[in-house]
């Protein structure tokens, strides 16, 4: 399944660069690229774990076992 690439608007770029004054603002230790990369990776990981567990953070579990890590009921006979 191929997902469409999200379009990044010029307004978003303008907003991110509104305080840009020098190259360090973009590529420095606390620059926009580092911050943006960190936030995107965090969001992607959160989406991955949500997909894996089948529910979002702080949402009720919707499986019969009531177990967020194992999606199948435990075998009572071990």
C-alpha atoms as a PDB file:
ATOM      1  CA  UNK A   1       0.000   0.000   0.000  1.00  0.00           C
ATOM      2  CA  UNK A   2       1.510   3.307  -1.082  1.00  0.00           C
ATOM      3  CA  UNK A   3       0.597   6.420   0.858  1.00  0.00           C
ATOM      4  CA  UNK A   4       0.462   9.829  -0.756  1.00  0.00           C
ATOM      5  CA  UNK A   5       3.289  12.118   0.280  1.00  0.00           C
ATOM      6  CA  UNK A   6       2.054  14.944   2.491  1.00  0.00           C
ATOM      7  CA  UNK A   7       2.307  18.381   0.960  1.00  0.00           C
ATOM      8  CA  UNK A   8       4.262  20.900   2.989  1.00  0.00           C
ATOM      9  CA  UNK A   9       2.751  24.298   2.432  1.00  0.00           C
ATOM     10  CA  UNK A  10       4.707  27.486   1.928  1.00  0.00           C
ATOM     11  CA  UNK A  11       2.832  28.907   4.918  1.00  0.00           C
ATOM     12  CA  UNK A  12       4.256  26.152   7.112  1.00  0.00           C
ATOM     13  CA  UNK A  13       7.774  26.801   5.808  1.00  0.00           C
ATOM     14  CA  UNK A  14       7.340  30.544   6.380  1.00  0.00           C
ATOM     15  CA  UNK A  15       6.152  29.886   9.911  1.00  0.00           C
ATOM     16  CA  UNK A  16       9.135  27.649  10.677  1.00  0.00           C
ATOM     17  CA  UNK A  17      11.583  30.183   9.273  1.00  0.00           C
ATOM     18  CA  UNK A  18      10.067  33.364  10.722  1.00  0.00           C
ATOM     19  CA  UNK A  19      12.852  33.705  13.320  1.00  0.00           C
ATOM     20  CA  UNK A  20      15.658  32.546  10.991  1.00  0.00           C
ATOM     21  CA  UNK A  21      18.601  34.922  11.105  1.00  0.00           C
ATOM     22  CA  UNK A  22      21.724  32.824  10.518  1.00  0.00           C
ATOM     23  CA  UNK A  23      22.659  29.289   9.392  1.00  0.00           C
ATOM     24  CA  UNK A  24      22.933  28.077  13.015  1.00  0.00           C
ATOM     25  CA  UNK A  25      19.210  28.836  13.424  1.00  0.00           C
ATOM     26  CA  UNK A  26      18.581  26.178  10.800  1.00  0.00           C
ATOM     27  CA  UNK A  27      21.350  23.602  11.214  1.00  0.00           C
ATOM     28  CA  UNK A  28      22.847  24.373  14.634  1.00  0.00           C
ATOM     29  CA  UNK A  29      22.670  22.194  17.752  1.00  0.00           C
ATOM     30  CA  UNK A  30      19.225  23.586  18.633  1.00  0.00           C
ATOM     31  CA  UNK A  31      18.274  24.510  15.078  1.00  0.00           C
ATOM     32  CA  UNK A  32      14.986  24.048  13.311  1.00  0.00           C
ATOM     33  CA  UNK A  33      16.112  20.891  11.483  1.00  0.00           C
ATOM     34  CA  UNK A  34      17.084  19.102  14.693  1.00  0.00           C
ATOM     35  CA  UNK A  35      13.868  20.106  16.436  1.00  0.00           C
ATOM     36  CA  UNK A  36      11.717  19.183  13.451  1.00  0.00           C
ATOM     37  CA  UNK A  37      13.438  15.818  12.990  1.00  0.00           C
ATOM     38  CA  UNK A  38      12.975  14.975  16.664  1.00  0.00           C
ATOM     39  CA  UNK A  39       9.276  15.890  16.653  1.00  0.00           C
ATOM     40  CA  UNK A  40       8.573  13.984  13.425  1.00  0.00           C
ATOM     41  CA  UNK A  41      10.342  10.845  14.681  1.00  0.00           C
ATOM     42  CA  UNK A  42       8.472  11.021  18.011  1.00  0.00           C
ATOM     43  CA  UNK A  43       5.128  11.333  16.222  1.00  0.00           C
ATOM     44  CA  UNK A  44       5.971   8.467  13.870  1.00  0.00           C
ATOM     45  CA  UNK A  45       6.940   6.210  16.774  1.00  0.00           C
ATOM     46  CA  UNK A  46       3.739   7.108  18.621  1.00  0.00           C
ATOM     47  CA  UNK A  47       1.686   6.259  15.523  1.00  0.00           C
ATOM     48  CA  UNK A  48       3.558   2.960  15.188  1.00  0.00           C
ATOM     49  CA  UNK A  49       2.921   1.925  18.799  1.00  0.00           C
ATOM     50  CA  UNK A  50      -0.739   2.979  18.497  1.00  0.00           C
ATOM     51  CA  UNK A  51      -1.098   0.786  15.424  1.00  0.00           C
ATOM     52  CA  UNK A  52       0.720  -2.091  17.091  1.00  0.00           C
ATOM     53  CA  UNK A  53      -1.336  -2.008  20.307  1.00  0.00           C
ATOM     54  CA  UNK A  54      -4.609  -1.226  18.553  1.00  0.00           C
ATOM     55  CA  UNK A  55      -5.467   1.837  20.653  1.00  0.00           C
ATOM     56  CA  UNK A  56      -4.148   5.304  21.341  1.00  0.00           C
ATOM     57  CA  UNK A  57      -2.393   6.505  24.442  1.00  0.00           C
ATOM     58  CA  UNK A  58      -4.801   6.839  27.376  1.00  0.00           C
ATOM     59  CA  UNK A  59      -7.612   5.152  25.429  1.00  0.00           C
ATOM     60  CA  UNK A  60      -9.415   2.138  26.867  1.00  0.00           C
ATOM     61  CA  UNK A  61      -8.258  -1.294  25.767  1.00  0.00           C
ATOM     62  CA  UNK A  62     -10.676  -2.927  23.345  1.00  0.00           C
ATOM     63  CA  UNK A  63      -9.743  -6.585  23.521  1.00  0.00           C
ATOM     64  CA  UNK A  64     -11.335  -9.391  25.524  1.00  0.00           C
ATOM     65  CA  UNK A  65      -8.173 -10.131  27.478  1.00  0.00           C
ATOM     66  CA  UNK A  66      -7.866  -6.549  28.689  1.00  0.00           C
ATOM     67  CA  UNK A  67      -4.155  -6.864  28.108  1.00  0.00           C
ATOM     68  CA  UNK A  68      -2.407  -4.137  26.119  1.00  0.00           C
ATOM     69  CA  UNK A  69       0.687  -6.191  25.349  1.00  0.00           C
ATOM     70  CA  UNK A  70      -0.854  -9.483  24.360  1.00  0.00           C
ATOM     71  CA  UNK A  71      -3.857  -9.457  22.031  1.00  0.00           C
ATOM     72  CA  UNK A  72      -4.968 -12.995  22.889  1.00  0.00           C
ATOM     73  CA  UNK A  73      -6.411 -14.441  26.115  1.00  0.00           C
ATOM     74  CA  UNK A  74      -4.041 -16.333  28.372  1.00  0.00           C
ATOM     75  CA  UNK A  75      -4.235 -20.107  28.319  1.00  0.00           C
ATOM     76  CA  UNK A  76      -5.460 -21.026  31.837  1.00  0.00           C
ATOM     77  CA  UNK A  77      -3.743 -24.414  31.577  1.00  0.00           C
ATOM     78  CA  UNK A  78      -0.396 -22.808  30.919  1.00  0.00           C
END
